[in-house]
C-alpha atoms as a PDB file:
ATOM      1  CA  MET A   1     -35.243  39.388   3.044  1.00  0.00           C
ATOM      2  CA  VAL A   2     -32.099  41.696   2.553  1.00  0.00           C
ATOM      3  CA  LEU A   3     -29.063  39.138   1.325  1.00  0.00           C
ATOM      4  CA  ALA A   4     -26.453  42.313   1.484  1.00  0.00           C
ATOM      5  CA  ALA A   5     -25.541  41.240   4.639  1.00  0.00           C
ATOM      6  CA  PRO A   6     -23.458  38.292   3.863  1.00  0.00           C
ATOM      7  CA  TYR A   7     -21.884  39.875   0.992  1.00  0.00           C
ATOM      8  CA  THR A   8     -19.849  42.486   3.262  1.00  0.00           C
ATOM      9  CA  ARG A   9     -16.060  42.091   3.405  1.00  0.00           C
ATOM     10  CA  LYS A  10     -16.088  41.339   7.109  1.00  0.00           C
ATOM     11  CA  LYS A  11     -19.192  38.715   6.921  1.00  0.00           C
ATOM     12  CA  ARG A  12     -17.155  37.482   3.581  1.00  0.00           C
ATOM     13  CA  ALA A  13     -13.813  36.877   6.561  1.00  0.00           C
ATOM     14  CA  LEU A  14     -15.722  35.825   9.501  1.00  0.00           C
ATOM     15  CA  ILE A  15     -17.510  33.046   7.141  1.00  0.00           C
ATOM     16  CA  GLU A  16     -14.298  32.340   5.136  1.00  0.00           C
ATOM     17  CA  ASP A  17     -12.168  31.676   8.495  1.00  0.00           C
ATOM     18  CA  ALA A  18     -15.718  29.155   9.754  1.00  0.00           C
ATOM     19  CA  VAL A  19     -15.116  27.249   7.005  1.00  0.00           C
ATOM     20  CA  ARG A  20     -11.825  26.675   6.756  1.00  0.00           C
ATOM     21  CA  ARG A  21     -12.412  25.946  10.912  1.00  0.00           C
ATOM     22  CA  VAL A  22     -14.752  22.898  10.103  1.00  0.00           C
ATOM     23  CA  GLU A  23     -12.512  22.001   7.086  1.00  0.00           C
ATOM     24  CA  ALA A  24      -9.260  21.117   9.475  1.00  0.00           C
ATOM     25  CA  VAL A  25     -12.065  19.565  12.640  1.00  0.00           C
ATOM     26  CA  PHE A  26     -13.251  17.281   9.495  1.00  0.00           C
ATOM     27  CA  ALA A  27      -9.862  16.351   7.589  1.00  0.00           C
ATOM     28  CA  PRO A  28      -8.612  14.003   5.679  1.00  0.00           C
ATOM     29  CA  ASP A  29     -12.645  13.228   5.560  1.00  0.00           C
ATOM     30  CA  VAL A  30     -12.924  16.677   4.149  1.00  0.00           C
ATOM     31  CA  VAL A  31     -10.799  17.841   1.427  1.00  0.00           C
ATOM     32  CA  ARG A  32     -12.104  20.795   0.907  1.00  0.00           C
ATOM     33  CA  ILE A  33     -15.118  22.822   1.357  1.00  0.00           C
ATOM     34  CA  LYS A  34     -16.224  25.466  -1.755  1.00  0.00           C
ATOM     35  CA  TYR A  35     -19.337  27.666  -1.055  1.00  0.00           C
ATOM     36  CA  TYR A  36     -21.968  30.797  -2.685  1.00  0.00           C
ATOM     37  CA  PHE A  37     -25.133  33.241  -1.446  1.00  0.00           C
ATOM     38  CA  SER A  38     -27.931  33.174  -3.942  1.00  0.00           C
ATOM     39  CA  GLU A  39     -31.710  32.993  -2.886  1.00  0.00           C
ATOM     40  CA  ASP A  40     -33.814  29.145  -2.993  1.00  0.00           C
ATOM     41  CA  TRP A  41     -36.344  28.405  -4.790  1.00  0.00           C
ATOM     42  CA  LEU A  42     -38.549  30.818  -2.401  1.00  0.00           C
ATOM     43  CA  GLY A  43     -36.230  33.332  -3.056  1.00  0.00           C
ATOM     44  CA  GLU A  44     -34.962  33.124   0.383  1.00  0.00           C
ATOM     45  CA  PRO A  45     -31.680  33.660   1.520  1.00  0.00           C
ATOM     46  CA  SER A  46     -29.485  31.158   1.505  1.00  0.00           C
ATOM     47  CA  VAL A  47     -25.429  29.489   1.443  1.00  0.00           C
ATOM     48  CA  TYR A  48     -24.608  27.196  -0.607  1.00  0.00           C
ATOM     49  CA  PHE A  49     -21.897  24.385   0.464  1.00  0.00           C
ATOM     50  CA  ARG A  50     -19.694  21.481  -1.690  1.00  0.00           C
ATOM     51  CA  VAL A  51     -18.236  19.702   0.517  1.00  0.00           C
ATOM     52  CA  LEU A  52     -15.537  17.596  -1.130  1.00  0.00           C
ATOM     53  CA  ILE A  53     -14.959  14.711   1.065  1.00  0.00           C
ATOM     54  CA  ARG A  54     -12.051  11.919   0.158  1.00  0.00           C
ATOM     55  CA  ASP A  55     -12.815   8.522  -1.723  1.00  0.00           C
ATOM     56  CA  GLU A  56     -12.967   6.586   1.148  1.00  0.00           C
ATOM     57  CA  ALA A  57     -15.508   8.669   3.358  1.00  0.00           C
ATOM     58  CA  GLY A  58     -18.169   8.741   0.272  1.00  0.00           C
ATOM     59  CA  GLN A  59     -18.688   4.997   1.453  1.00  0.00           C
ATOM     60  CA  LEU A  60     -22.248   4.703   1.697  1.00  0.00           C
ATOM     61  CA  GLU A  61     -21.947   3.715   6.248  1.00  0.00           C
ATOM     62  CA  ARG A  62     -19.084   6.027   6.929  1.00  0.00           C
ATOM     63  CA  LEU A  63     -20.855   9.267   4.286  1.00  0.00           C
ATOM     64  CA  LYS A  64     -23.773   8.598   6.818  1.00  0.00           C
ATOM     65  CA  SER A  65     -22.018   9.088   9.727  1.00  0.00           C
ATOM     66  CA  LEU A  66     -20.071  11.890   8.190  1.00  0.00           C
ATOM     67  CA  SER A  67     -22.712  14.174   6.382  1.00  0.00           C
ATOM     68  CA  TRP A  68     -24.444  15.490   9.366  1.00  0.00           C
ATOM     69  CA  PRO A  69     -21.947  16.288  11.472  1.00  0.00           C
ATOM     70  CA  VAL A  70     -20.474  18.487   8.932  1.00  0.00           C
ATOM     71  CA  ARG A  71     -22.947  20.150   8.290  1.00  0.00           C
ATOM     72  CA  LYS A  72     -24.024  20.755  11.757  1.00  0.00           C
ATOM     73  CA  ALA A  73     -20.591  22.035  12.395  1.00  0.00           C
ATOM     74  CA  LEU A  74     -20.976  24.475   9.327  1.00  0.00           C
ATOM     75  CA  MET A  75     -24.256  25.645   9.998  1.00  0.00           C
ATOM     76  CA  ASP A  76     -23.114  26.652  13.459  1.00  0.00           C
ATOM     77  CA  GLU A  77     -19.810  27.906  13.090  1.00  0.00           C
ATOM     78  CA  VAL A  78     -21.540  30.340  10.047  1.00  0.00           C
ATOM     79  CA  GLN A  79     -24.599  30.851  12.306  1.00  0.00           C
ATOM     80  CA  THR A  80     -26.672  30.125   9.566  1.00  0.00           C
ATOM     81  CA  ASP A  81     -29.862  30.773  11.700  1.00  0.00           C
ATOM     82  CA  GLU A  82     -28.338  33.866  13.509  1.00  0.00           C
ATOM     83  CA  CYS A  83     -27.664  35.330  10.254  1.00  0.00           C
ATOM     84  CA  GLU A  84     -30.972  34.301   8.412  1.00  0.00           C
ATOM     85  CA  LEU A  85     -29.702  32.309   5.519  1.00  0.00           C
ATOM     86  CA  GLY A  86     -30.388  29.258   4.473  1.00  0.00           C
ATOM     87  CA  ALA A  87     -28.317  26.554   4.008  1.00  0.00           C
ATOM     88  CA  TYR A  88     -27.687  23.806   1.490  1.00  0.00           C
ATOM     89  CA  PHE A  89     -25.343  21.058   1.110  1.00  0.00           C
ATOM     90  CA  GLU A  90     -24.294  18.801  -1.395  1.00  0.00           C
ATOM     91  CA  PHE A  91     -21.227  16.140  -1.027  1.00  0.00           C
ATOM     92  CA  ARG A  92     -19.077  14.633  -3.311  1.00  0.00           C
ATOM     93  CA  THR A  93     -15.906  12.262  -3.704  1.00  0.00           C
ATOM     94  CA  VAL A  94     -13.105  13.093  -4.996  1.00  0.00           C
ATOM     95  CA  SER A  95     -12.690  10.169  -8.814  1.00  0.00           C
ATOM     96  CA  GLU A  96     -16.127  11.702  -8.696  1.00  0.00           C
ATOM     97  CA  GLN A  97     -15.004  15.439  -9.150  1.00  0.00           C
ATOM     98  CA  LEU A  98     -12.204  13.880 -11.395  1.00  0.00           C
ATOM     99  CA  GLU A  99     -14.494  12.209 -13.814  1.00  0.00           C
ATOM    100  CA  LEU A 100     -17.215  15.835 -13.692  1.00  0.00           C
ATOM    101  CA  ARG A 101     -14.055  18.506 -13.382  1.00  0.00           C
ATOM    102  CA  ASP A 102     -16.483  20.648 -12.805  1.00  0.00           C
ATOM    103  CA  PRO A 103     -15.744  23.951 -11.881  1.00  0.00           C
ATOM    104  CA  ALA A 104     -17.231  25.757  -9.169  1.00  0.00           C
ATOM    105  CA  TRP A 105     -15.977  22.194  -7.612  1.00  0.00           C
ATOM    106  CA  GLU A 106     -12.313  23.578  -7.570  1.00  0.00           C
END
């Protein structure tokens, strides 16, 4: 598989718009969604999403009810299946990020 398709300017703009739509739908629980393209452990093209959520949304029961709809919406909006991209997700609360200060999440 060729990873070039997701990197085209037009495709990046479409993905960016899709991610912003998902952020808006799940606000205020979802603070920000960052993403990057890479290969997964099998060498397949993939998109990795970092979903920053409010602390309240990070409580176990709330996270359970939030994480799947966010994942599904991102896969649908970004059209990961149609683009033949694997989709991977990480969730982190604002407090966790403040403690870790990971630049990749900023």
